[in-house]
Amino acid sequence: MNDKNYNSIKMTMASCSQFLKSTANSITVRKVQVLTSAIVASFFVFQSTTEANAGLEICNTTGDVQGISIGYKGDGGWTSEGWWLIEPTKCATPIGGDLNQQTYYYRAEINGGPFEGGSYYFCTDTAAYTIVGDTNCKDRGYDRESFQPFDVGEGTKNYTLTLTSANTTSAAKDEGLRFCNETKDSQSVSIGYEGDEAWTSEGWWVMEPGKCSMVIRGELKDTYYYRAEVNGGDFDGEAYYFCTTPTEYTILGDKDCKGRGYDRESFRLIDTSKADGVFTLTMQP
């Protein structure tokens, strides 16, 4: 090999070496850039996930689909919202963002069934709803149902309520007294029954034409009584009398109505002794 060829080979090898070094440096820089971008992206994903998880989460560990409604003190007053249908092993987030109260309320139903809610009441509806105000529920066309309170802790921003067999109602056969309105008018319904303490009357459930409402949930007694009015009008109620008021009410006792400041009005008998599950009384023209 002569000097000319030898020098040519050296120059070629040097060029190749320089090219390889340059390529390696470029790959290293790109690796660092990709790694940095991945770290930044991971940070924002983590931050976003953390923010998304803030608020009130409800998780279902029972074996039944739970219909959840919540109650809380909102800016405009006591507020209730529903329904979130939560499958077994799944969760839902009824309230997003930081929590700003220590006590919230919930109601959990299976197929619209009963729930032992205690003495805390909110307005509800059978369809999806947000209702401001916890009074005059029936006058405004809503149901009035009991809720359970739960304490999230002072200053707590995020909280998970876990539904278990202990704080929900197990699936059971539907039982109760339901009214359906097949007339062309809005019907205001009041009921009477023999309660644990005394004869009791309750009202009013306002039912629009074509709508139904469950006025009693759970195992039925053999007899109930009802009164249905259109715009506060007359009703042929037979010889059964209970105390009533023009506004929403629950009254214990069917005696001395006027002396206690109530009206005394006639009701009709409903024989539910042979009911198997839900007894439906249909109001027809």
C-alpha atoms as a PDB file:
ATOM      1  CA  MET A   1       0.000   0.000   0.000  1.00  0.00           C
ATOM      2  CA  ASN A   2       1.439   3.386  -1.004  1.00  0.00           C
ATOM      3  CA  ASP A   3       1.314   6.569   1.127  1.00  0.00           C
ATOM      4  CA  LYS A   4      -1.461   8.080  -0.927  1.00  0.00           C
ATOM      5  CA  ASN A   5      -3.855   5.194  -0.364  1.00  0.00           C
ATOM      6  CA  TYR A   6      -2.913   4.981   3.334  1.00  0.00           C
ATOM      7  CA  ASN A   7      -3.654   8.684   3.907  1.00  0.00           C
ATOM      8  CA  SER A   8      -6.981   8.338   2.080  1.00  0.00           C
ATOM      9  CA  ILE A   9      -8.041   5.451   4.354  1.00  0.00           C
ATOM     10  CA  LYS A  10      -7.095   7.428   7.516  1.00  0.00           C
ATOM     11  CA  MET A  11      -9.162  10.386   6.380  1.00  0.00           C
ATOM     12  CA  THR A  12     -12.165   8.126   5.693  1.00  0.00           C
ATOM     13  CA  MET A  13     -11.876   6.460   9.129  1.00  0.00           C
ATOM     14  CA  ALA A  14     -11.636   9.862  10.856  1.00  0.00           C
ATOM     15  CA  SER A  15     -14.764  11.067   9.070  1.00  0.00           C
ATOM     16  CA  CYS A  16     -16.642   7.943  10.143  1.00  0.00           C
ATOM     17  CA  SER A  17     -15.519   8.377  13.752  1.00  0.00           C
ATOM     18  CA  GLN A  18     -16.620  12.007  13.790  1.00  0.00           C
ATOM     19  CA  PHE A  19     -20.002  11.044  12.312  1.00  0.00           C
ATOM     20  CA  LEU A  20     -20.541   8.353  14.953  1.00  0.00           C
ATOM     21  CA  LYS A  21     -19.660  10.760  17.801  1.00  0.00           C
ATOM     22  CA  SER A  22     -22.038  13.390  16.419  1.00  0.00           C
ATOM     23  CA  THR A  23     -24.836  10.840  16.059  1.00  0.00           C
ATOM     24  CA  ALA A  24     -24.277   9.523  19.591  1.00  0.00           C
ATOM     25  CA  ASN A  25     -24.391  13.032  21.040  1.00  0.00           C
ATOM     26  CA  SER A  26     -27.593  13.763  19.138  1.00  0.00           C
ATOM     27  CA  ILE A  27     -29.222  10.548  20.411  1.00  0.00           C
ATOM     28  CA  THR A  28     -28.173  11.355  23.982  1.00  0.00           C
ATOM     29  CA  VAL A  29     -29.639  14.867  23.761  1.00  0.00           C
ATOM     30  CA  ARG A  30     -32.863  13.490  22.322  1.00  0.00           C
ATOM     31  CA  LYS A  31     -33.073  10.874  25.080  1.00  0.00           C
ATOM     32  CA  VAL A  32     -32.701  13.597  27.710  1.00  0.00           C
ATOM     33  CA  GLN A  33     -35.342  15.716  25.997  1.00  0.00           C
ATOM     34  CA  VAL A  34     -37.783  12.783  25.785  1.00  0.00           C
ATOM     35  CA  LEU A  35     -37.133  11.818  29.413  1.00  0.00           C
ATOM     36  CA  THR A  36     -37.660  15.418  30.554  1.00  0.00           C
ATOM     37  CA  SER A  37     -40.897  15.664  28.586  1.00  0.00           C
ATOM     38  CA  ALA A  38     -42.102  12.391  30.091  1.00  0.00           C
ATOM     39  CA  ILE A  39     -41.384  13.602  33.624  1.00  0.00           C
ATOM     40  CA  VAL A  40     -43.197  16.890  33.005  1.00  0.00           C
ATOM     41  CA  ALA A  41     -46.144  15.064  31.437  1.00  0.00           C
ATOM     42  CA  SER A  42     -46.298  12.630  34.352  1.00  0.00           C
ATOM     43  CA  PHE A  43     -46.332  15.545  36.793  1.00  0.00           C
ATOM     44  CA  PHE A  44     -49.283  17.180  35.052  1.00  0.00           C
ATOM     45  CA  VAL A  45     -51.160  13.864  34.783  1.00  0.00           C
ATOM     46  CA  PHE A  46     -50.621  13.270  38.508  1.00  0.00           C
ATOM     47  CA  GLN A  47     -51.677  16.823  39.333  1.00  0.00           C
ATOM     48  CA  SER A  48     -54.755  16.527  37.124  1.00  0.00           C
ATOM     49  CA  THR A  49     -55.702  13.187  38.679  1.00  0.00           C
ATOM     50  CA  THR A  50     -55.269  14.583  42.168  1.00  0.00           C
ATOM     51  CA  GLU A  51     -57.469  17.553  41.356  1.00  0.00           C
ATOM     52  CA  ALA A  52     -60.064  15.303  39.678  1.00  0.00           C
ATOM     53  CA  ASN A  53     -60.261  13.130  42.795  1.00  0.00           C
ATOM     54  CA  ALA A  54     -61.010  16.118  45.038  1.00  0.00           C
ATOM     55  CA  GLY A  55     -64.519  16.280  46.479  1.00  0.00           C
ATOM     56  CA  LEU A  56     -67.032  13.669  47.624  1.00  0.00           C
ATOM     57  CA  GLU A  57     -66.658  10.155  46.230  1.00  0.00           C
ATOM     58  CA  ILE A  58     -69.120   7.338  46.982  1.00  0.00           C
ATOM     59  CA  CYS A  59     -68.050   3.716  46.431  1.00  0.00           C
ATOM     60  CA  ASN A  60     -70.339   0.683  46.401  1.00  0.00           C
ATOM     61  CA  THR A  61     -69.054  -2.512  48.044  1.00  0.00           C
ATOM     62  CA  THR A  62     -72.489  -4.165  48.271  1.00  0.00           C
ATOM     63  CA  GLY A  63     -73.772  -6.740  45.808  1.00  0.00           C
ATOM     64  CA  ASP A  64     -76.592  -4.503  44.533  1.00  0.00           C
ATOM     65  CA  VAL A  65     -76.851  -1.456  42.279  1.00  0.00           C
ATOM     66  CA  GLN A  66     -77.353   1.518  44.605  1.00  0.00           C
ATOM     67  CA  GLY A  67     -79.334   4.629  43.664  1.00  0.00           C
ATOM     68  CA  ILE A  68     -77.705   7.525  45.529  1.00  0.00           C
ATOM     69  CA  SER A  69     -79.070  10.935  46.415  1.00  0.00           C
ATOM     70  CA  ILE A  70     -77.216  13.540  48.491  1.00  0.00           C
ATOM     71  CA  GLY A  71     -78.148  16.552  50.601  1.00  0.00           C
ATOM     72  CA  TYR A  72     -76.077  19.535  51.716  1.00  0.00           C
ATOM     73  CA  LYS A  73     -76.219  23.231  52.629  1.00  0.00           C
ATOM     74  CA  GLY A  74     -75.781  25.072  49.328  1.00  0.00           C
ATOM     75  CA  ASP A  75     -75.396  28.765  48.550  1.00  0.00           C
ATOM     76  CA  GLY A  76     -79.137  29.109  47.996  1.00  0.00           C
ATOM     77  CA  GLY A  77     -80.212  26.967  50.954  1.00  0.00           C
ATOM     78  CA  TRP A  78     -80.544  23.281  51.757  1.00  0.00           C
ATOM     79  CA  THR A  79     -80.109  21.377  48.505  1.00  0.00           C
ATOM     80  CA  SER A  80     -80.686  17.782  47.417  1.00  0.00           C
ATOM     81  CA  GLU A  81     -79.475  16.050  44.252  1.00  0.00           C
ATOM     82  CA  GLY A  82     -79.892  12.624  42.676  1.00  0.00           C
ATOM     83  CA  TRP A  83     -79.682  10.015  41.334  1.00  0.00           C
ATOM     84  CA  TRP A  84     -76.294   8.375  40.830  1.00  0.00           C
ATOM     85  CA  LEU A  85     -76.652   4.670  39.969  1.00  0.00           C
ATOM     86  CA  ILE A  86     -73.527   2.957  41.285  1.00  0.00           C
ATOM     87  CA  GLU A  87     -72.784  -0.626  40.222  1.00  0.00           C
ATOM     88  CA  PRO A  88     -71.146  -3.044  42.699  1.00  0.00           C
ATOM     89  CA  THR A  89     -67.370  -2.342  43.051  1.00  0.00           C
ATOM     90  CA  LYS A  90     -67.804   1.031  41.257  1.00  0.00           C
ATOM     91  CA  CYS A  91     -67.588   4.622  42.503  1.00  0.00           C
ATOM     92  CA  ALA A  92     -69.189   7.966  41.630  1.00  0.00           C
ATOM     93  CA  THR A  93     -68.292  11.573  42.459  1.00  0.00           C
ATOM     94  CA  PRO A  94     -71.457  13.539  43.311  1.00  0.00           C
ATOM     95  CA  ILE A  95     -69.475  16.613  44.412  1.00  0.00           C
ATOM     96  CA  GLY A  96     -66.327  17.702  42.572  1.00  0.00           C
ATOM     97  CA  GLY A  97     -63.823  20.205  43.921  1.00  0.00           C
ATOM     98  CA  ASP A  98     -62.902  20.890  47.517  1.00  0.00           C
ATOM     99  CA  LEU A  99     -65.522  20.137  50.152  1.00  0.00           C
ATOM    100  CA  ASN A 100     -66.573  23.142  52.232  1.00  0.00           C
ATOM    101  CA  GLN A 101     -68.746  21.545  54.898  1.00  0.00           C
ATOM    102  CA  GLN A 102     -68.251  19.018  57.660  1.00  0.00           C
ATOM    103  CA  THR A 103     -71.614  17.243  57.397  1.00  0.00           C
ATOM    104  CA  TYR A 104     -73.333  15.865  54.305  1.00  0.00           C
ATOM    105  CA  TYR A 105     -76.372  13.617  53.912  1.00  0.00           C
ATOM    106  CA  TYR A 106     -77.137  10.650  51.674  1.00  0.00           C
ATOM    107  CA  ARG A 107     -79.929   8.282  50.698  1.00  0.00           C
ATOM    108  CA  ALA A 108     -79.236   4.871  49.125  1.00  0.00           C
ATOM    109  CA  GLU A 109     -82.006   2.915  47.390  1.00  0.00           C
ATOM    110  CA  ILE A 110     -82.214  -0.411  45.580  1.00  0.00           C
ATOM    111  CA  ASN A 111     -84.838  -0.295  42.801  1.00  0.00           C
ATOM    112  CA  GLY A 112     -86.500   2.664  44.524  1.00  0.00           C
ATOM    113  CA  GLY A 113     -86.935   0.641  47.711  1.00  0.00           C
ATOM    114  CA  PRO A 114     -86.921   1.765  51.354  1.00  0.00           C
ATOM    115  CA  PHE A 115     -84.021   3.340  53.240  1.00  0.00           C
ATOM    116  CA  GLU A 116     -83.684   3.904  56.979  1.00  0.00           C
ATOM    117  CA  GLY A 117     -82.722   7.547  56.894  1.00  0.00           C
ATOM    118  CA  GLY A 118     -83.436   8.771  60.401  1.00  0.00           C
ATOM    119  CA  SER A 119     -84.900  12.205  61.101  1.00  0.00           C
ATOM    120  CA  TYR A 120     -83.188  14.219  58.345  1.00  0.00           C
ATOM    121  CA  TYR A 121     -85.503  14.972  55.426  1.00  0.00           C
ATOM    122  CA  PHE A 122     -84.957  16.391  51.938  1.00  0.00           C
ATOM    123  CA  CYS A 123     -87.090  16.765  48.839  1.00  0.00           C
ATOM    124  CA  THR A 124     -86.526  14.166  46.115  1.00  0.00           C
ATOM    125  CA  ASP A 125     -87.890  13.236  42.710  1.00  0.00           C
ATOM    126  CA  THR A 126     -88.097   9.949  40.837  1.00  0.00           C
ATOM    127  CA  ALA A 127     -86.083  11.316  37.903  1.00  0.00           C
ATOM    128  CA  ALA A 128     -82.696  13.092  37.956  1.00  0.00           C
ATOM    129  CA  TYR A 129     -83.026  16.265  39.995  1.00  0.00           C
ATOM    130  CA  THR A 130     -81.469  19.193  41.840  1.00  0.00           C
ATOM    131  CA  ILE A 131     -83.866  20.750  44.358  1.00  0.00           C
ATOM    132  CA  VAL A 132     -83.169  23.868  46.410  1.00  0.00           C
ATOM    133  CA  GLY A 133     -85.093  23.961  49.677  1.00  0.00           C
ATOM    134  CA  ASP A 134     -86.082  21.147  52.041  1.00  0.00           C
ATOM    135  CA  THR A 135     -89.595  22.339  52.961  1.00  0.00           C
ATOM    136  CA  ASN A 136     -93.019  22.149  51.284  1.00  0.00           C
ATOM    137  CA  CYS A 137     -91.793  19.220  49.204  1.00  0.00           C
ATOM    138  CA  LYS A 138     -95.211  17.795  48.375  1.00  0.00           C
ATOM    139  CA  ASP A 139     -96.702  21.221  47.629  1.00  0.00           C
ATOM    140  CA  ARG A 140     -93.950  21.684  45.054  1.00  0.00           C
ATOM    141  CA  GLY A 141     -94.598  18.299  43.434  1.00  0.00           C
ATOM    142  CA  TYR A 142     -91.724  16.384  45.052  1.00  0.00           C
ATOM    143  CA  ASP A 143     -91.410  13.462  47.432  1.00  0.00           C
ATOM    144  CA  ARG A 144     -90.154  13.983  50.991  1.00  0.00           C
ATOM    145  CA  GLU A 145     -87.697  11.281  52.069  1.00  0.00           C
ATOM    146  CA  SER A 146     -85.284  10.619  54.905  1.00  0.00           C
ATOM    147  CA  PHE A 147     -81.478  10.819  54.627  1.00  0.00           C
ATOM    148  CA  GLN A 148     -78.548   9.705  56.784  1.00  0.00           C
ATOM    149  CA  PRO A 149     -75.883  12.230  57.877  1.00  0.00           C
ATOM    150  CA  PHE A 150     -72.163  11.540  57.650  1.00  0.00           C
ATOM    151  CA  ASP A 151     -69.261  13.560  59.039  1.00  0.00           C
ATOM    152  CA  VAL A 152     -66.309  14.101  56.694  1.00  0.00           C
ATOM    153  CA  GLY A 153     -64.161  15.778  59.356  1.00  0.00           C
ATOM    154  CA  GLU A 154     -63.307  19.394  60.025  1.00  0.00           C
ATOM    155  CA  GLY A 155     -61.431  21.061  57.157  1.00  0.00           C
ATOM    156  CA  THR A 156     -61.540  17.920  54.989  1.00  0.00           C
ATOM    157  CA  LYS A 157     -61.284  18.646  51.256  1.00  0.00           C
ATOM    158  CA  ASN A 158     -61.733  15.102  49.920  1.00  0.00           C
ATOM    159  CA  TYR A 159     -63.804  12.251  51.341  1.00  0.00           C
ATOM    160  CA  THR A 160     -64.866   8.763  50.251  1.00  0.00           C
ATOM    161  CA  LEU A 161     -68.105   7.307  51.589  1.00  0.00           C
ATOM    162  CA  THR A 162     -68.115   3.512  51.300  1.00  0.00           C
ATOM    163  CA  LEU A 163     -71.493   1.814  50.949  1.00  0.00           C
ATOM    164  CA  THR A 164     -71.688  -1.479  52.854  1.00  0.00           C
ATOM    165  CA  SER A 165     -74.433  -3.828  53.997  1.00  0.00           C
ATOM    166  CA  ALA A 166     -74.368  -1.966  57.332  1.00  0.00           C
ATOM    167  CA  ASN A 167     -75.199   1.506  55.965  1.00  0.00           C
ATOM    168  CA  THR A 168     -77.529   0.530  53.097  1.00  0.00           C
ATOM    169  CA  THR A 169     -80.667  -1.558  52.665  1.00  0.00           C
ATOM    170  CA  SER A 170     -80.413  -5.039  51.188  1.00  0.00           C
ATOM    171  CA  ALA A 171     -82.420  -5.844  48.088  1.00  0.00           C
ATOM    172  CA  ALA A 172     -85.899  -6.969  48.995  1.00  0.00           C
ATOM    173  CA  LYS A 173     -89.269  -7.521  47.428  1.00  0.00           C
ATOM    174  CA  ASP A 174     -90.941  -4.219  46.542  1.00  0.00           C
ATOM    175  CA  GLU A 175     -93.829  -3.456  48.881  1.00  0.00           C
ATOM    176  CA  GLY A 176     -95.951  -0.391  49.371  1.00  0.00           C
ATOM    177  CA  LEU A 177     -98.957   1.691  48.361  1.00  0.00           C
ATOM    178  CA  ARG A 178     -98.813   3.528  45.046  1.00  0.00           C
ATOM    179  CA  PHE A 179    -101.251   5.988  43.475  1.00  0.00           C
ATOM    180  CA  CYS A 180    -101.507   6.551  39.718  1.00  0.00           C
ATOM    181  CA  ASN A 181    -103.396   9.429  38.138  1.00  0.00           C
ATOM    182  CA  GLU A 182    -105.206   8.629  34.887  1.00  0.00           C
ATOM    183  CA  THR A 183    -107.519  11.630  35.081  1.00  0.00           C
ATOM    184  CA  LYS A 184    -107.014  14.814  33.075  1.00  0.00           C
ATOM    185  CA  ASP A 185    -106.475  16.922  36.209  1.00  0.00           C
ATOM    186  CA  SER A 186    -103.693  17.307  38.742  1.00  0.00           C
ATOM    187  CA  GLN A 187    -104.714  15.340  41.850  1.00  0.00           C
ATOM    188  CA  SER A 188    -103.718  16.205  45.426  1.00  0.00           C
ATOM    189  CA  VAL A 189    -103.755  13.039  47.532  1.00  0.00           C
ATOM    190  CA  SER A 190    -103.886  12.634  51.300  1.00  0.00           C
ATOM    191  CA  ILE A 191    -103.852   9.291  53.160  1.00  0.00           C
ATOM    192  CA  GLY A 192    -104.977   8.009  56.553  1.00  0.00           C
ATOM    193  CA  TYR A 193    -103.953   4.872  58.453  1.00  0.00           C
ATOM    194  CA  GLU A 194    -103.615   3.389  61.916  1.00  0.00           C
ATOM    195  CA  GLY A 195    -100.098   4.303  63.023  1.00  0.00           C
ATOM    196  CA  ASP A 196     -98.033   2.919  65.878  1.00  0.00           C
ATOM    197  CA  GLU A 197     -99.108   5.725  68.217  1.00  0.00           C
ATOM    198  CA  ALA A 198    -102.492   6.810  66.849  1.00  0.00           C
ATOM    199  CA  TRP A 199    -104.613   7.200  63.751  1.00  0.00           C
ATOM    200  CA  THR A 200    -102.485   9.267  61.387  1.00  0.00           C
ATOM    201  CA  SER A 201    -103.138  11.371  58.296  1.00  0.00           C
ATOM    202  CA  GLU A 202    -100.584  12.713  55.807  1.00  0.00           C
ATOM    203  CA  GLY A 203    -100.709  14.935  52.740  1.00  0.00           C
ATOM    204  CA  TRP A 204    -100.372  16.167  50.147  1.00  0.00           C
ATOM    205  CA  TRP A 205     -98.896  14.253  47.206  1.00  0.00           C
ATOM    206  CA  VAL A 206     -99.506  16.259  44.032  1.00  0.00           C
ATOM    207  CA  MET A 207     -99.792  13.957  40.999  1.00  0.00           C
ATOM    208  CA  GLU A 208     -99.948  15.249  37.462  1.00  0.00           C
ATOM    209  CA  PRO A 209    -102.009  13.383  34.823  1.00  0.00           C
ATOM    210  CA  GLY A 210    -100.266  10.190  33.744  1.00  0.00           C
ATOM    211  CA  LYS A 211     -97.951  10.143  36.778  1.00  0.00           C
ATOM    212  CA  CYS A 212     -97.638   7.784  39.754  1.00  0.00           C
ATOM    213  CA  SER A 213     -96.289   8.211  43.267  1.00  0.00           C
ATOM    214  CA  MET A 214     -95.374   5.707  46.011  1.00  0.00           C
ATOM    215  CA  VAL A 215     -96.939   7.152  49.173  1.00  0.00           C
ATOM    216  CA  ILE A 216     -96.196   4.205  51.486  1.00  0.00           C
ATOM    217  CA  ARG A 217     -93.059   2.054  51.250  1.00  0.00           C
ATOM    218  CA  GLY A 218     -92.625  -1.277  52.988  1.00  0.00           C
ATOM    219  CA  GLU A 219     -95.029  -3.880  54.338  1.00  0.00           C
ATOM    220  CA  LEU A 220     -98.652  -2.774  54.143  1.00  0.00           C
ATOM    221  CA  LYS A 221    -101.390  -2.852  56.758  1.00  0.00           C
ATOM    222  CA  ASP A 222    -104.770  -4.344  55.821  1.00  0.00           C
ATOM    223  CA  THR A 223    -106.532  -1.016  55.370  1.00  0.00           C
ATOM    224  CA  TYR A 224    -105.713   2.550  54.381  1.00  0.00           C
ATOM    225  CA  TYR A 225    -107.808   5.605  53.590  1.00  0.00           C
ATOM    226  CA  TYR A 226    -107.377   8.335  51.002  1.00  0.00           C
ATOM    227  CA  ARG A 227    -108.686  11.673  49.857  1.00  0.00           C
ATOM    228  CA  ALA A 228    -108.082  13.122  46.363  1.00  0.00           C
ATOM    229  CA  GLU A 229    -108.792  16.747  45.476  1.00  0.00           C
ATOM    230  CA  VAL A 230    -108.591  18.863  42.340  1.00  0.00           C
ATOM    231  CA  ASN A 231    -107.603  22.449  43.224  1.00  0.00           C
ATOM    232  CA  GLY A 232    -108.806  21.949  46.794  1.00  0.00           C
ATOM    233  CA  GLY A 233    -112.277  20.963  45.588  1.00  0.00           C
ATOM    234  CA  ASP A 234    -114.855  18.503  46.901  1.00  0.00           C
ATOM    235  CA  PHE A 235    -114.337  14.769  47.407  1.00  0.00           C
ATOM    236  CA  ASP A 236    -116.959  12.122  48.161  1.00  0.00           C
ATOM    237  CA  GLY A 237    -115.121  10.436  51.002  1.00  0.00           C
ATOM    238  CA  GLU A 238    -117.716   8.172  52.640  1.00  0.00           C
ATOM    239  CA  ALA A 239    -117.923   8.011  56.451  1.00  0.00           C
ATOM    240  CA  TYR A 240    -114.228   7.938  57.363  1.00  0.00           C
ATOM    241  CA  TYR A 241    -112.853  11.188  58.751  1.00  0.00           C
ATOM    242  CA  PHE A 242    -109.323  12.451  59.382  1.00  0.00           C
ATOM    243  CA  CYS A 243    -107.709  15.769  60.260  1.00  0.00           C
ATOM    244  CA  THR A 244    -106.101  17.720  57.394  1.00  0.00           C
ATOM    245  CA  THR A 245    -104.537  21.092  56.588  1.00  0.00           C
ATOM    246  CA  PRO A 246    -104.314  22.938  53.252  1.00  0.00           C
ATOM    247  CA  THR A 247    -100.502  22.617  53.289  1.00  0.00           C
ATOM    248  CA  GLU A 248     -98.130  19.673  53.673  1.00  0.00           C
ATOM    249  CA  TYR A 249     -98.775  17.834  56.934  1.00  0.00           C
ATOM    250  CA  THR A 250     -98.522  14.764  59.156  1.00  0.00           C
ATOM    251  CA  ILE A 251    -101.135  14.726  61.928  1.00  0.00           C
ATOM    252  CA  LEU A 252    -101.400  12.226  64.779  1.00  0.00           C
ATOM    253  CA  GLY A 253    -104.946  11.620  65.973  1.00  0.00           C
ATOM    254  CA  ASP A 254    -108.289  11.858  64.184  1.00  0.00           C
ATOM    255  CA  LYS A 255    -110.228  13.540  67.011  1.00  0.00           C
ATOM    256  CA  ASP A 256    -110.916  17.188  67.868  1.00  0.00           C
ATOM    257  CA  CYS A 257    -109.523  18.356  64.518  1.00  0.00           C
ATOM    258  CA  LYS A 258    -111.028  21.852  64.615  1.00  0.00           C
ATOM    259  CA  GLY A 259    -110.121  22.326  68.272  1.00  0.00           C
ATOM    260  CA  ARG A 260    -106.498  21.663  67.314  1.00  0.00           C
ATOM    261  CA  GLY A 261    -106.594  24.070  64.383  1.00  0.00           C
ATOM    262  CA  TYR A 262    -107.112  21.512  61.596  1.00  0.00           C
ATOM    263  CA  ASP A 263    -109.830  20.773  59.055  1.00  0.00           C
ATOM    264  CA  ARG A 264    -111.928  17.593  59.320  1.00  0.00           C
ATOM    265  CA  GLU A 265    -112.523  15.909  55.980  1.00  0.00           C
ATOM    266  CA  SER A 266    -113.863  12.605  54.672  1.00  0.00           C
ATOM    267  CA  PHE A 267    -111.725   9.809  53.202  1.00  0.00           C
ATOM    268  CA  ARG A 268    -112.389   6.576  51.308  1.00  0.00           C
ATOM    269  CA  LEU A 269    -111.385   3.079  52.396  1.00  0.00           C
ATOM    270  CA  ILE A 270    -108.664   1.108  50.560  1.00  0.00           C
ATOM    271  CA  ASP A 271    -108.607  -2.653  51.228  1.00  0.00           C
ATOM    272  CA  THR A 272    -104.976  -3.779  50.897  1.00  0.00           C
ATOM    273  CA  SER A 273    -105.370  -7.045  52.841  1.00  0.00           C
ATOM    274  CA  LYS A 274    -104.728  -9.182  49.750  1.00  0.00           C
ATOM    275  CA  ALA A 275    -101.871  -7.091  48.381  1.00  0.00           C
ATOM    276  CA  ASP A 276     -98.779  -9.046  47.363  1.00  0.00           C
ATOM    277  CA  GLY A 277     -95.987  -6.511  47.084  1.00  0.00           C
ATOM    278  CA  VAL A 278     -97.066  -3.116  45.741  1.00  0.00           C
ATOM    279  CA  PHE A 279    -100.762  -2.200  45.803  1.00  0.00           C
ATOM    280  CA  THR A 280    -101.655   0.345  43.114  1.00  0.00           C
ATOM    281  CA  LEU A 281    -104.741   2.530  43.346  1.00  0.00           C
ATOM    282  CA  THR A 282    -105.508   4.094  39.984  1.00  0.00           C
ATOM    283  CA  MET A 283    -107.512   7.314  39.937  1.00  0.00           C
ATOM    284  CA  GLN A 284    -109.686   7.328  36.817  1.00  0.00           C
ATOM    285  CA  PRO A 285    -112.061   9.877  35.250  1.00  0.00           C
END
